[in-house]
Amino acid sequence: DGVLEPLGLGWWAVNGDTIQITSLAALEKIQRVEFYTVPAKLRSSSASSQALIDLLTKELAEAGGKQGKPAAPSHLELDEPSGRLIVLATPTAHRYLSLRLAAGAK
């Protein structure tokens, strides 16, 4: 990030073997779906599934604002039977959620 951002570039992990380097503007236009396991501790701390989704959506919006750019819209749903969070968002939002959910497991 420290090398790419001053050049107006960013990156995202396409898969376990590949990263794509692109402009920061293009990076915020990429949308992909990811599935996340929600840590039991984080899930039990929310009054409802919707409350958890609202919390994470708010955090994503705030995290985008801290980076000096508006947060791209994200769509989050919680699959009740599996307990998995299904997210359509930008690579930047997915990076935030990966870190956030890992921290929620502790």
N, C-alpha and C. Protein backbone atom coordinates (compact mmCIF):
# COMPACT_ATOMS: atom_id res chain seq x y z
N ASP A 1 0.82 -1.19 0.00
CA ASP A 1 0.00 0.00 0.00
C ASP A 1 0.86 1.25 0.00
N GLY A 2 1.90 1.25 0.82
CA GLY A 2 2.78 2.42 0.93
C GLY A 2 3.47 2.77 -0.37
N VAL A 3 3.76 1.79 -1.18
CA VAL A 3 4.43 2.02 -2.47
C VAL A 3 3.41 2.39 -3.55
N LEU A 4 2.28 1.70 -3.55
CA LEU A 4 1.30 1.88 -4.63
C LEU A 4 0.45 3.13 -4.49
N GLU A 5 -0.02 3.46 -3.28
CA GLU A 5 -0.94 4.57 -3.11
C GLU A 5 -0.38 5.91 -3.59
N PRO A 6 0.88 6.25 -3.31
CA PRO A 6 1.40 7.53 -3.83
C PRO A 6 1.39 7.60 -5.38
N LEU A 7 1.35 6.44 -6.02
CA LEU A 7 1.31 6.37 -7.48
C LEU A 7 -0.13 6.34 -8.00
N GLY A 8 -1.10 6.41 -7.07
CA GLY A 8 -2.50 6.34 -7.47
C GLY A 8 -2.95 4.94 -7.79
N LEU A 9 -2.24 3.94 -7.22
CA LEU A 9 -2.55 2.55 -7.50
C LEU A 9 -2.94 1.81 -6.22
N GLY A 10 -3.65 0.71 -6.40
CA GLY A 10 -4.03 -0.16 -5.29
C GLY A 10 -4.00 -1.60 -5.77
N TRP A 11 -4.28 -2.51 -4.88
CA TRP A 11 -4.24 -3.93 -5.25
C TRP A 11 -5.36 -4.67 -4.54
N TRP A 12 -5.66 -5.84 -5.06
CA TRP A 12 -6.59 -6.75 -4.40
C TRP A 12 -6.20 -8.17 -4.74
N ALA A 13 -6.49 -9.08 -3.80
CA ALA A 13 -6.16 -10.50 -4.00
C ALA A 13 -7.27 -11.14 -4.82
N VAL A 14 -6.93 -11.55 -6.02
CA VAL A 14 -7.89 -12.21 -6.91
C VAL A 14 -8.18 -13.62 -6.39
N ASN A 15 -7.12 -14.31 -6.00
CA ASN A 15 -7.24 -15.65 -5.41
C ASN A 15 -5.96 -15.90 -4.61
N GLY A 16 -5.74 -17.10 -4.19
CA GLY A 16 -4.57 -17.41 -3.37
C GLY A 16 -3.23 -17.27 -4.07
N ASP A 17 -3.26 -17.15 -5.39
CA ASP A 17 -2.02 -17.08 -6.16
C ASP A 17 -1.82 -15.78 -6.92
N THR A 18 -2.84 -14.93 -6.97
CA THR A 18 -2.79 -13.78 -7.88
C THR A 18 -3.27 -12.51 -7.19
N ILE A 19 -2.53 -11.41 -7.41
CA ILE A 19 -3.02 -10.09 -7.04
C ILE A 19 -3.14 -9.26 -8.31
N GLN A 20 -4.07 -8.32 -8.28
CA GLN A 20 -4.23 -7.39 -9.39
C GLN A 20 -3.88 -6.00 -8.90
N ILE A 21 -3.02 -5.32 -9.63
CA ILE A 21 -2.69 -3.94 -9.35
C ILE A 21 -3.44 -3.09 -10.35
N THR A 22 -4.15 -2.09 -9.83
CA THR A 22 -4.98 -1.24 -10.69
C THR A 22 -5.04 0.16 -10.10
N SER A 23 -5.70 1.07 -10.79
CA SER A 23 -5.84 2.43 -10.26
C SER A 23 -6.78 2.39 -9.05
N LEU A 24 -6.62 3.39 -8.16
CA LEU A 24 -7.50 3.45 -6.99
C LEU A 24 -8.95 3.66 -7.41
N ALA A 25 -9.17 4.44 -8.47
CA ALA A 25 -10.54 4.66 -8.95
C ALA A 25 -11.15 3.36 -9.44
N ALA A 26 -10.40 2.57 -10.20
CA ALA A 26 -10.92 1.30 -10.70
C ALA A 26 -11.12 0.30 -9.57
N LEU A 27 -10.26 0.35 -8.57
CA LEU A 27 -10.36 -0.57 -7.44
C LEU A 27 -11.71 -0.41 -6.73
N GLU A 28 -12.20 0.82 -6.64
CA GLU A 28 -13.46 1.06 -5.95
C GLU A 28 -14.69 0.73 -6.81
N LYS A 29 -14.47 0.37 -8.06
CA LYS A 29 -15.57 -0.04 -8.94
C LYS A 29 -15.73 -1.55 -9.01
N ILE A 30 -14.72 -2.28 -8.52
CA ILE A 30 -14.78 -3.74 -8.53
C ILE A 30 -15.72 -4.18 -7.42
N GLN A 31 -16.64 -5.06 -7.74
CA GLN A 31 -17.55 -5.64 -6.75
C GLN A 31 -17.43 -7.16 -6.83
N ARG A 32 -17.31 -7.79 -5.69
CA ARG A 32 -17.26 -9.26 -5.66
C ARG A 32 -17.99 -9.76 -4.45
N VAL A 33 -18.38 -11.02 -4.51
CA VAL A 33 -19.11 -11.65 -3.41
C VAL A 33 -18.14 -12.52 -2.62
N GLU A 34 -18.20 -12.39 -1.31
CA GLU A 34 -17.42 -13.24 -0.41
C GLU A 34 -18.33 -13.75 0.69
N PHE A 35 -17.98 -14.89 1.26
CA PHE A 35 -18.72 -15.50 2.35
C PHE A 35 -17.82 -15.53 3.58
N TYR A 36 -18.33 -15.10 4.72
CA TYR A 36 -17.55 -15.03 5.94
C TYR A 36 -18.23 -15.81 7.07
N THR A 37 -17.43 -16.47 7.87
CA THR A 37 -17.93 -17.04 9.11
C THR A 37 -17.92 -15.93 10.15
N VAL A 38 -19.04 -15.74 10.80
CA VAL A 38 -19.14 -14.70 11.83
C VAL A 38 -18.79 -15.35 13.16
N PRO A 39 -17.78 -14.82 13.86
CA PRO A 39 -17.41 -15.40 15.15
C PRO A 39 -18.60 -15.40 16.11
N ALA A 40 -18.74 -16.46 16.85
CA ALA A 40 -19.86 -16.61 17.80
C ALA A 40 -19.91 -15.44 18.78
N LYS A 41 -18.75 -15.00 19.23
CA LYS A 41 -18.69 -13.90 20.19
C LYS A 41 -19.29 -12.62 19.60
N LEU A 42 -18.98 -12.34 18.36
CA LEU A 42 -19.50 -11.14 17.69
C LEU A 42 -21.00 -11.29 17.44
N ARG A 43 -21.40 -12.46 16.99
CA ARG A 43 -22.81 -12.70 16.69
C ARG A 43 -23.67 -12.61 17.95
N SER A 44 -23.18 -13.15 19.06
CA SER A 44 -23.97 -13.11 20.30
C SER A 44 -24.01 -11.72 20.93
N SER A 45 -23.07 -10.85 20.55
CA SER A 45 -23.07 -9.50 21.11
C SER A 45 -24.08 -8.59 20.42
N SER A 46 -24.67 -9.04 19.32
CA SER A 46 -25.68 -8.26 18.61
C SER A 46 -27.07 -8.75 18.99
N ALA A 47 -28.01 -7.81 19.12
CA ALA A 47 -29.38 -8.14 19.52
C ALA A 47 -30.09 -8.99 18.47
N SER A 48 -29.71 -8.80 17.20
CA SER A 48 -30.35 -9.54 16.11
C SER A 48 -29.40 -9.58 14.92
N SER A 49 -29.77 -10.38 13.94
CA SER A 49 -28.97 -10.44 12.70
C SER A 49 -28.94 -9.09 12.03
N GLN A 50 -30.08 -8.41 12.01
CA GLN A 50 -30.14 -7.09 11.37
C GLN A 50 -29.27 -6.08 12.11
N ALA A 51 -29.22 -6.17 13.43
CA ALA A 51 -28.37 -5.28 14.22
C ALA A 51 -26.90 -5.49 13.87
N LEU A 52 -26.50 -6.74 13.68
CA LEU A 52 -25.13 -7.05 13.29
C LEU A 52 -24.83 -6.48 11.91
N ILE A 53 -25.74 -6.66 10.97
CA ILE A 53 -25.55 -6.13 9.61
C ILE A 53 -25.47 -4.60 9.66
N ASP A 54 -26.35 -3.97 10.43
CA ASP A 54 -26.33 -2.51 10.56
C ASP A 54 -25.01 -2.02 11.14
N LEU A 55 -24.50 -2.72 12.15
CA LEU A 55 -23.22 -2.35 12.77
C LEU A 55 -22.08 -2.43 11.76
N LEU A 56 -22.00 -3.56 11.05
CA LEU A 56 -20.91 -3.74 10.09
C LEU A 56 -21.03 -2.76 8.92
N THR A 57 -22.24 -2.47 8.47
CA THR A 57 -22.45 -1.51 7.39
C THR A 57 -21.99 -0.13 7.82
N LYS A 58 -22.32 0.25 9.05
CA LYS A 58 -21.89 1.56 9.58
C LYS A 58 -20.37 1.62 9.68
N GLU A 59 -19.75 0.55 10.17
CA GLU A 59 -18.29 0.52 10.28
C GLU A 59 -17.64 0.64 8.91
N LEU A 60 -18.19 -0.04 7.91
CA LEU A 60 -17.64 0.05 6.55
C LEU A 60 -17.71 1.48 6.03
N ALA A 61 -18.83 2.15 6.26
CA ALA A 61 -18.98 3.53 5.81
C ALA A 61 -17.98 4.44 6.50
N GLU A 62 -17.79 4.25 7.80
CA GLU A 62 -16.83 5.06 8.55
C GLU A 62 -15.40 4.78 8.13
N ALA A 63 -15.08 3.52 7.87
CA ALA A 63 -13.72 3.15 7.45
C ALA A 63 -13.41 3.77 6.10
N GLY A 64 -14.37 3.78 5.19
CA GLY A 64 -14.17 4.40 3.89
C GLY A 64 -13.91 5.88 4.02
N GLY A 65 -14.65 6.55 4.91
CA GLY A 65 -14.48 7.98 5.13
C GLY A 65 -13.13 8.33 5.72
N LYS A 66 -12.59 7.47 6.57
CA LYS A 66 -11.28 7.71 7.18
C LYS A 66 -10.16 7.66 6.14
N GLN A 67 -10.39 6.94 5.06
CA GLN A 67 -9.37 6.84 4.02
C GLN A 67 -9.45 8.02 3.06
N GLY A 68 -10.31 8.99 3.37
CA GLY A 68 -10.40 10.19 2.56
C GLY A 68 -11.21 10.02 1.29
N LYS A 69 -11.94 8.96 1.17
CA LYS A 69 -12.78 8.74 0.00
C LYS A 69 -14.11 8.17 0.45
N PRO A 70 -15.17 8.45 -0.26
CA PRO A 70 -16.45 7.90 0.17
C PRO A 70 -16.46 6.39 0.06
N ALA A 71 -17.15 5.76 0.97
CA ALA A 71 -17.25 4.31 0.95
C ALA A 71 -18.18 3.89 -0.18
N ALA A 72 -17.76 2.91 -0.95
CA ALA A 72 -18.63 2.37 -1.99
C ALA A 72 -19.73 1.58 -1.31
N PRO A 73 -20.92 1.58 -1.87
CA PRO A 73 -22.00 0.83 -1.23
C PRO A 73 -21.70 -0.66 -1.17
N SER A 74 -22.04 -1.26 -0.07
CA SER A 74 -21.88 -2.70 0.14
C SER A 74 -23.24 -3.29 0.45
N HIS A 75 -23.40 -4.55 0.15
CA HIS A 75 -24.64 -5.24 0.49
C HIS A 75 -24.27 -6.45 1.34
N LEU A 76 -24.84 -6.52 2.53
CA LEU A 76 -24.57 -7.60 3.46
C LEU A 76 -25.86 -8.33 3.79
N GLU A 77 -25.78 -9.65 3.86
CA GLU A 77 -26.90 -10.50 4.28
C GLU A 77 -26.33 -11.58 5.18
N LEU A 78 -27.11 -11.99 6.16
CA LEU A 78 -26.69 -13.09 7.02
C LEU A 78 -27.57 -14.29 6.73
N ASP A 79 -26.94 -15.39 6.33
CA ASP A 79 -27.66 -16.64 6.10
C ASP A 79 -27.84 -17.31 7.45
N GLU A 80 -29.06 -17.30 7.92
CA GLU A 80 -29.35 -17.82 9.27
C GLU A 80 -28.95 -19.28 9.46
N PRO A 81 -29.33 -20.20 8.54
CA PRO A 81 -28.99 -21.61 8.78
C PRO A 81 -27.49 -21.86 8.91
N SER A 82 -26.69 -21.21 8.08
CA SER A 82 -25.24 -21.46 8.11
C SER A 82 -24.50 -20.49 9.02
N GLY A 83 -25.14 -19.36 9.33
CA GLY A 83 -24.47 -18.34 10.13
C GLY A 83 -23.41 -17.58 9.36
N ARG A 84 -23.42 -17.72 8.04
CA ARG A 84 -22.41 -17.05 7.21
C ARG A 84 -22.91 -15.68 6.76
N LEU A 85 -21.98 -14.75 6.74
CA LEU A 85 -22.24 -13.42 6.24
C LEU A 85 -21.91 -13.42 4.75
N ILE A 86 -22.86 -13.00 3.93
CA ILE A 86 -22.67 -12.94 2.48
C ILE A 86 -22.55 -11.46 2.13
N VAL A 87 -21.44 -11.11 1.47
CA VAL A 87 -21.14 -9.70 1.24
C VAL A 87 -20.79 -9.44 -0.22
N LEU A 88 -21.48 -8.46 -0.81
CA LEU A 88 -21.15 -7.93 -2.12
C LEU A 88 -20.53 -6.57 -1.87
N ALA A 89 -19.24 -6.42 -2.19
CA ALA A 89 -18.55 -5.17 -1.86
C ALA A 89 -17.25 -5.06 -2.66
N THR A 90 -16.58 -3.95 -2.44
CA THR A 90 -15.29 -3.71 -3.08
C THR A 90 -14.18 -4.47 -2.36
N PRO A 91 -13.04 -4.63 -3.01
CA PRO A 91 -11.91 -5.28 -2.33
C PRO A 91 -11.50 -4.55 -1.04
N THR A 92 -11.60 -3.23 -1.02
CA THR A 92 -11.26 -2.47 0.18
C THR A 92 -12.19 -2.84 1.33
N ALA A 93 -13.48 -2.95 1.05
CA ALA A 93 -14.45 -3.34 2.08
C ALA A 93 -14.19 -4.77 2.56
N HIS A 94 -13.86 -5.65 1.63
CA HIS A 94 -13.57 -7.04 2.02
C HIS A 94 -12.32 -7.11 2.89
N ARG A 95 -11.34 -6.30 2.59
CA ARG A 95 -10.12 -6.29 3.41
C ARG A 95 -10.48 -5.86 4.83
N TYR A 96 -11.31 -4.82 4.95
CA TYR A 96 -11.73 -4.35 6.27
C TYR A 96 -12.50 -5.45 7.00
N LEU A 97 -13.46 -6.07 6.33
CA LEU A 97 -14.27 -7.10 6.98
C LEU A 97 -13.44 -8.31 7.41
N SER A 98 -12.48 -8.70 6.60
CA SER A 98 -11.62 -9.83 6.97
C SER A 98 -10.90 -9.55 8.28
N LEU A 99 -10.36 -8.34 8.41
CA LEU A 99 -9.66 -7.97 9.64
C LEU A 99 -10.63 -7.83 10.81
N ARG A 100 -11.77 -7.23 10.55
CA ARG A 100 -12.77 -7.00 11.60
C ARG A 100 -13.32 -8.31 12.16
N LEU A 101 -13.64 -9.23 11.29
CA LEU A 101 -14.19 -10.51 11.75
C LEU A 101 -13.13 -11.36 12.43
N ALA A 102 -11.89 -11.26 12.00
CA ALA A 102 -10.81 -11.97 12.68
C ALA A 102 -10.62 -11.40 14.09
N ALA A 103 -10.73 -10.08 14.23
CA ALA A 103 -10.60 -9.45 15.55
C ALA A 103 -11.79 -9.81 16.44
N GLY A 104 -12.97 -9.98 15.82
CA GLY A 104 -14.17 -10.33 16.57
C GLY A 104 -14.13 -11.73 17.16
N ALA A 105 -13.23 -12.56 16.63
CA ALA A 105 -13.11 -13.94 17.12
C ALA A 105 -12.29 -14.00 18.41
N LYS A 106 -11.57 -12.94 18.71
CA LYS A 106 -10.69 -12.94 19.88
C LYS A 106 -11.42 -12.54 21.14
